N, C-alpha and C. Protein backbone atom coordinates (compact mmCIF):
# COMPACT_ATOMS: atom_id res chain seq x y z
N MET A 1 2.93 -57.60 26.66
CA MET A 1 1.54 -57.65 27.02
C MET A 1 1.31 -56.68 28.17
N VAL A 2 0.18 -56.00 28.14
CA VAL A 2 -0.21 -55.08 29.20
C VAL A 2 -1.48 -55.59 29.83
N GLU A 3 -1.50 -55.67 31.14
CA GLU A 3 -2.71 -56.05 31.85
C GLU A 3 -3.16 -54.88 32.69
N LEU A 4 -4.44 -54.57 32.59
CA LEU A 4 -5.02 -53.53 33.43
C LEU A 4 -5.92 -54.20 34.44
N GLU A 5 -5.79 -53.80 35.67
CA GLU A 5 -6.64 -54.36 36.70
C GLU A 5 -7.34 -53.22 37.40
N TYR A 6 -8.65 -53.33 37.49
CA TYR A 6 -9.40 -52.29 38.18
C TYR A 6 -9.60 -52.75 39.62
N GLN A 7 -10.26 -51.94 40.38
CA GLN A 7 -10.41 -52.19 41.81
C GLN A 7 -10.93 -53.59 42.12
N ALA A 8 -10.47 -54.13 43.23
CA ALA A 8 -10.86 -55.49 43.63
C ALA A 8 -12.35 -55.57 43.96
N GLU A 9 -12.91 -54.50 44.52
CA GLU A 9 -14.33 -54.50 44.86
C GLU A 9 -15.12 -54.01 43.66
N ASP A 10 -16.11 -54.79 43.25
CA ASP A 10 -16.83 -54.43 42.04
C ASP A 10 -18.17 -53.73 42.27
N ALA A 11 -18.57 -53.52 43.51
CA ALA A 11 -19.84 -52.85 43.78
C ALA A 11 -19.82 -51.44 43.18
N GLY A 12 -20.72 -51.20 42.23
CA GLY A 12 -20.81 -49.90 41.59
C GLY A 12 -19.71 -49.60 40.59
N SER A 13 -18.90 -50.60 40.26
CA SER A 13 -17.74 -50.34 39.40
C SER A 13 -18.12 -49.92 37.99
N LEU A 14 -19.24 -50.38 37.45
CA LEU A 14 -19.62 -49.99 36.10
C LEU A 14 -19.81 -48.49 35.96
N LYS A 15 -20.18 -47.82 37.03
CA LYS A 15 -20.37 -46.37 36.99
C LYS A 15 -19.05 -45.62 36.91
N ARG A 16 -17.94 -46.32 37.11
CA ARG A 16 -16.62 -45.69 37.06
C ARG A 16 -16.00 -45.76 35.66
N PHE A 17 -16.68 -46.45 34.75
CA PHE A 17 -16.22 -46.56 33.37
C PHE A 17 -17.07 -45.69 32.47
N TYR A 18 -16.48 -45.27 31.35
CA TYR A 18 -17.20 -44.51 30.33
C TYR A 18 -16.96 -45.21 29.01
N ALA A 19 -17.98 -45.30 28.18
CA ALA A 19 -17.83 -45.96 26.89
C ALA A 19 -18.39 -45.07 25.79
N ALA A 20 -17.79 -45.16 24.60
CA ALA A 20 -18.24 -44.32 23.49
C ALA A 20 -17.92 -44.96 22.16
N THR A 21 -18.75 -44.65 21.18
CA THR A 21 -18.47 -44.90 19.77
C THR A 21 -18.75 -43.60 19.06
N TYR A 22 -17.86 -43.18 18.18
CA TYR A 22 -18.06 -41.91 17.47
C TYR A 22 -17.16 -41.85 16.25
N THR A 23 -17.50 -40.94 15.34
CA THR A 23 -16.69 -40.68 14.16
C THR A 23 -16.24 -39.22 14.22
N HIS A 24 -14.94 -39.03 14.02
CA HIS A 24 -14.36 -37.69 14.04
C HIS A 24 -13.28 -37.62 12.97
N GLY A 25 -13.41 -36.68 12.05
CA GLY A 25 -12.42 -36.56 10.98
C GLY A 25 -12.34 -37.79 10.10
N GLY A 26 -13.46 -38.49 9.91
CA GLY A 26 -13.49 -39.67 9.07
C GLY A 26 -12.96 -40.93 9.75
N VAL A 27 -12.63 -40.83 11.04
CA VAL A 27 -12.11 -41.99 11.78
C VAL A 27 -13.15 -42.43 12.81
N TYR A 28 -13.52 -43.71 12.73
CA TYR A 28 -14.47 -44.30 13.67
C TYR A 28 -13.71 -44.83 14.87
N THR A 29 -14.16 -44.46 16.07
CA THR A 29 -13.50 -44.87 17.31
C THR A 29 -14.47 -45.58 18.24
N GLN A 30 -13.98 -46.64 18.86
CA GLN A 30 -14.66 -47.31 19.97
C GLN A 30 -13.72 -47.16 21.16
N SER A 31 -14.25 -46.73 22.32
CA SER A 31 -13.36 -46.55 23.46
C SER A 31 -14.07 -46.81 24.78
N VAL A 32 -13.27 -47.25 25.74
CA VAL A 32 -13.69 -47.41 27.14
C VAL A 32 -12.66 -46.68 27.97
N ARG A 33 -13.14 -45.82 28.88
CA ARG A 33 -12.22 -45.00 29.67
C ARG A 33 -12.54 -45.13 31.15
N PHE A 34 -11.49 -45.04 31.98
CA PHE A 34 -11.68 -44.97 33.43
C PHE A 34 -10.54 -44.16 34.02
N VAL A 35 -10.74 -43.70 35.24
CA VAL A 35 -9.75 -42.90 35.95
C VAL A 35 -9.36 -43.66 37.21
N SER A 36 -8.06 -43.69 37.48
CA SER A 36 -7.54 -44.28 38.71
C SER A 36 -6.44 -43.37 39.22
N GLY A 37 -6.68 -42.76 40.37
CA GLY A 37 -5.71 -41.80 40.92
C GLY A 37 -5.57 -40.61 40.00
N ASN A 38 -4.35 -40.23 39.70
CA ASN A 38 -4.09 -39.08 38.83
C ASN A 38 -4.02 -39.45 37.35
N PHE A 39 -4.38 -40.68 37.01
CA PHE A 39 -4.25 -41.12 35.63
C PHE A 39 -5.59 -41.53 35.04
N GLY A 40 -5.76 -41.22 33.76
CA GLY A 40 -6.92 -41.66 33.00
C GLY A 40 -6.45 -42.68 31.98
N TYR A 41 -7.22 -43.72 31.78
CA TYR A 41 -6.88 -44.80 30.85
C TYR A 41 -7.99 -44.93 29.82
N THR A 42 -7.62 -44.94 28.55
CA THR A 42 -8.60 -45.13 27.48
C THR A 42 -8.14 -46.29 26.61
N VAL A 43 -8.94 -47.34 26.58
CA VAL A 43 -8.70 -48.49 25.71
C VAL A 43 -9.49 -48.22 24.43
N PHE A 44 -8.84 -48.29 23.26
CA PHE A 44 -9.51 -47.83 22.05
C PHE A 44 -9.14 -48.66 20.82
N THR A 45 -10.02 -48.57 19.83
CA THR A 45 -9.70 -48.98 18.45
C THR A 45 -10.16 -47.84 17.55
N ARG A 46 -9.40 -47.59 16.49
CA ARG A 46 -9.76 -46.56 15.51
C ARG A 46 -9.66 -47.18 14.13
N SER A 47 -10.65 -46.89 13.31
CA SER A 47 -10.64 -47.46 11.96
C SER A 47 -11.17 -46.45 10.94
N ARG A 48 -10.77 -46.68 9.71
CA ARG A 48 -11.28 -45.93 8.57
C ARG A 48 -11.82 -46.98 7.63
N GLY A 49 -13.15 -47.06 7.52
CA GLY A 49 -13.76 -48.14 6.75
C GLY A 49 -13.51 -49.46 7.48
N MET A 50 -13.04 -50.45 6.77
CA MET A 50 -12.76 -51.76 7.36
C MET A 50 -11.32 -51.89 7.82
N GLN A 51 -10.53 -50.84 7.66
CA GLN A 51 -9.11 -50.90 8.01
C GLN A 51 -8.85 -50.30 9.39
N THR A 52 -8.28 -51.10 10.29
CA THR A 52 -7.88 -50.60 11.60
C THR A 52 -6.65 -49.73 11.42
N ILE A 53 -6.71 -48.50 11.95
CA ILE A 53 -5.56 -47.62 11.83
C ILE A 53 -4.83 -47.44 13.16
N ALA A 54 -5.48 -47.79 14.25
CA ALA A 54 -4.82 -47.71 15.56
C ALA A 54 -5.64 -48.48 16.59
N ALA A 55 -4.94 -49.03 17.56
CA ALA A 55 -5.58 -49.71 18.68
C ALA A 55 -4.59 -49.72 19.83
N GLY A 56 -5.08 -49.55 21.04
CA GLY A 56 -4.18 -49.57 22.18
C GLY A 56 -4.79 -48.97 23.42
N VAL A 57 -3.92 -48.48 24.29
CA VAL A 57 -4.32 -47.86 25.55
C VAL A 57 -3.61 -46.51 25.65
N GLU A 58 -4.38 -45.47 25.84
CA GLU A 58 -3.81 -44.15 26.11
C GLU A 58 -3.82 -43.94 27.61
N VAL A 59 -2.69 -43.54 28.15
CA VAL A 59 -2.56 -43.26 29.58
C VAL A 59 -2.28 -41.77 29.70
N ARG A 60 -3.18 -41.07 30.39
CA ARG A 60 -3.07 -39.62 30.51
C ARG A 60 -2.83 -39.21 31.95
N ASP A 61 -1.77 -38.46 32.18
CA ASP A 61 -1.51 -37.87 33.49
C ASP A 61 -2.45 -36.68 33.61
N ARG A 62 -3.42 -36.76 34.50
CA ARG A 62 -4.45 -35.73 34.60
C ARG A 62 -3.91 -34.43 35.19
N LYS A 63 -2.75 -34.46 35.83
CA LYS A 63 -2.16 -33.23 36.36
C LYS A 63 -1.39 -32.48 35.28
N SER A 64 -0.52 -33.19 34.57
CA SER A 64 0.32 -32.54 33.56
C SER A 64 -0.33 -32.49 32.19
N GLY A 65 -1.29 -33.38 31.94
CA GLY A 65 -1.92 -33.46 30.63
C GLY A 65 -1.15 -34.31 29.65
N LYS A 66 0.02 -34.81 30.04
CA LYS A 66 0.84 -35.63 29.15
C LYS A 66 0.16 -36.99 28.92
N THR A 67 0.15 -37.41 27.65
CA THR A 67 -0.46 -38.68 27.28
C THR A 67 0.57 -39.59 26.63
N SER A 68 0.58 -40.85 27.04
CA SER A 68 1.41 -41.88 26.42
C SER A 68 0.49 -42.95 25.86
N THR A 69 0.87 -43.54 24.74
CA THR A 69 0.05 -44.56 24.11
C THR A 69 0.83 -45.87 24.01
N VAL A 70 0.19 -46.95 24.43
CA VAL A 70 0.73 -48.29 24.26
C VAL A 70 -0.08 -48.91 23.13
N SER A 71 0.56 -49.17 22.01
CA SER A 71 -0.14 -49.69 20.83
C SER A 71 -0.29 -51.21 20.90
N CYS A 72 -1.40 -51.70 20.36
CA CYS A 72 -1.61 -53.14 20.23
C CYS A 72 -0.95 -53.61 18.94
N SER A 73 -0.41 -54.80 18.96
CA SER A 73 0.23 -55.34 17.76
C SER A 73 -0.79 -55.93 16.80
N GLU A 74 -2.00 -56.19 17.27
CA GLU A 74 -3.07 -56.68 16.41
C GLU A 74 -4.39 -56.11 16.90
N ARG A 75 -5.38 -56.15 16.05
CA ARG A 75 -6.68 -55.58 16.42
C ARG A 75 -7.30 -56.39 17.55
N PRO A 76 -7.63 -55.73 18.66
CA PRO A 76 -8.23 -56.45 19.78
C PRO A 76 -9.70 -56.77 19.51
N ARG A 77 -10.19 -57.78 20.17
CA ARG A 77 -11.64 -58.06 20.13
C ARG A 77 -12.28 -57.08 21.09
N PHE A 78 -13.22 -56.33 20.59
CA PHE A 78 -13.82 -55.24 21.36
C PHE A 78 -15.33 -55.45 21.36
N TYR A 79 -15.89 -55.83 22.49
CA TYR A 79 -17.32 -56.11 22.61
C TYR A 79 -18.03 -54.90 23.23
N ILE A 80 -17.80 -53.73 22.65
CA ILE A 80 -18.29 -52.50 23.25
C ILE A 80 -19.82 -52.42 23.31
N TYR A 81 -20.49 -53.03 22.37
CA TYR A 81 -21.95 -52.92 22.34
C TYR A 81 -22.60 -53.62 23.53
N GLU A 82 -21.87 -54.53 24.17
CA GLU A 82 -22.39 -55.15 25.38
C GLU A 82 -22.43 -54.18 26.56
N LEU A 83 -21.74 -53.05 26.43
CA LEU A 83 -21.72 -52.04 27.50
C LEU A 83 -22.83 -51.00 27.35
N LYS A 84 -23.52 -51.03 26.20
CA LYS A 84 -24.57 -50.04 25.95
C LYS A 84 -25.62 -50.09 27.05
N GLY A 85 -25.85 -48.94 27.66
CA GLY A 85 -26.83 -48.84 28.73
C GLY A 85 -26.32 -49.27 30.10
N LEU A 86 -25.12 -49.86 30.16
CA LEU A 86 -24.56 -50.31 31.45
C LEU A 86 -23.57 -49.32 32.04
N VAL A 87 -22.87 -48.58 31.17
CA VAL A 87 -21.89 -47.60 31.64
C VAL A 87 -22.26 -46.24 31.07
N PRO A 88 -21.85 -45.16 31.74
CA PRO A 88 -22.19 -43.82 31.26
C PRO A 88 -21.51 -43.48 29.94
N CYS A 89 -22.10 -42.50 29.26
CA CYS A 89 -21.48 -41.93 28.06
C CYS A 89 -20.19 -41.23 28.47
N ASP A 90 -19.28 -41.09 27.52
CA ASP A 90 -17.99 -40.44 27.82
C ASP A 90 -18.05 -38.96 27.46
N PRO A 91 -17.92 -38.08 28.46
CA PRO A 91 -17.96 -36.63 28.18
C PRO A 91 -16.63 -36.07 27.68
N GLU A 92 -15.58 -36.89 27.62
CA GLU A 92 -14.24 -36.40 27.27
C GLU A 92 -13.73 -36.96 25.94
N THR A 93 -14.55 -36.91 24.90
CA THR A 93 -14.10 -37.33 23.58
C THR A 93 -13.84 -36.09 22.73
N PRO A 94 -13.17 -36.22 21.60
CA PRO A 94 -12.92 -35.06 20.74
C PRO A 94 -14.19 -34.39 20.21
N ILE A 95 -15.32 -35.11 20.24
CA ILE A 95 -16.56 -34.52 19.76
C ILE A 95 -17.48 -34.11 20.90
N GLY A 96 -16.96 -34.11 22.12
CA GLY A 96 -17.79 -33.84 23.30
C GLY A 96 -18.34 -35.15 23.83
N THR A 97 -19.50 -35.11 24.45
CA THR A 97 -20.08 -36.32 25.02
C THR A 97 -20.50 -37.28 23.92
N ALA A 98 -20.06 -38.54 24.04
CA ALA A 98 -20.41 -39.58 23.08
C ALA A 98 -20.81 -40.84 23.85
N CYS A 99 -21.76 -41.57 23.29
CA CYS A 99 -22.28 -42.79 23.92
C CYS A 99 -22.03 -43.97 22.99
N VAL A 100 -22.27 -45.17 23.50
CA VAL A 100 -22.23 -46.35 22.65
C VAL A 100 -23.55 -46.37 21.89
N LYS A 101 -23.45 -46.34 20.56
CA LYS A 101 -24.68 -46.33 19.72
C LYS A 101 -24.75 -47.58 18.91
């Protein structure tokens, strides 16, 4: 199990997250991303139709560009639509800027 903990102080914390839903290459993705220090974290699910093809957390070293992925063993519950309008769109997706739609 992996636990991610964001800053203890929550004032303005929603502005530090980015959320997106988008389709690229026939794959639908839901993601939430944040940066802490030199690392970027993206929690995601990817599906093709009704079939989940990947889910997990990508950890990217922003200095080296190296990315590691921790895969989920089962599809996570993802309530991304509750973030619509609360967090900024994500400018760092494969299709450019994407928002929760």
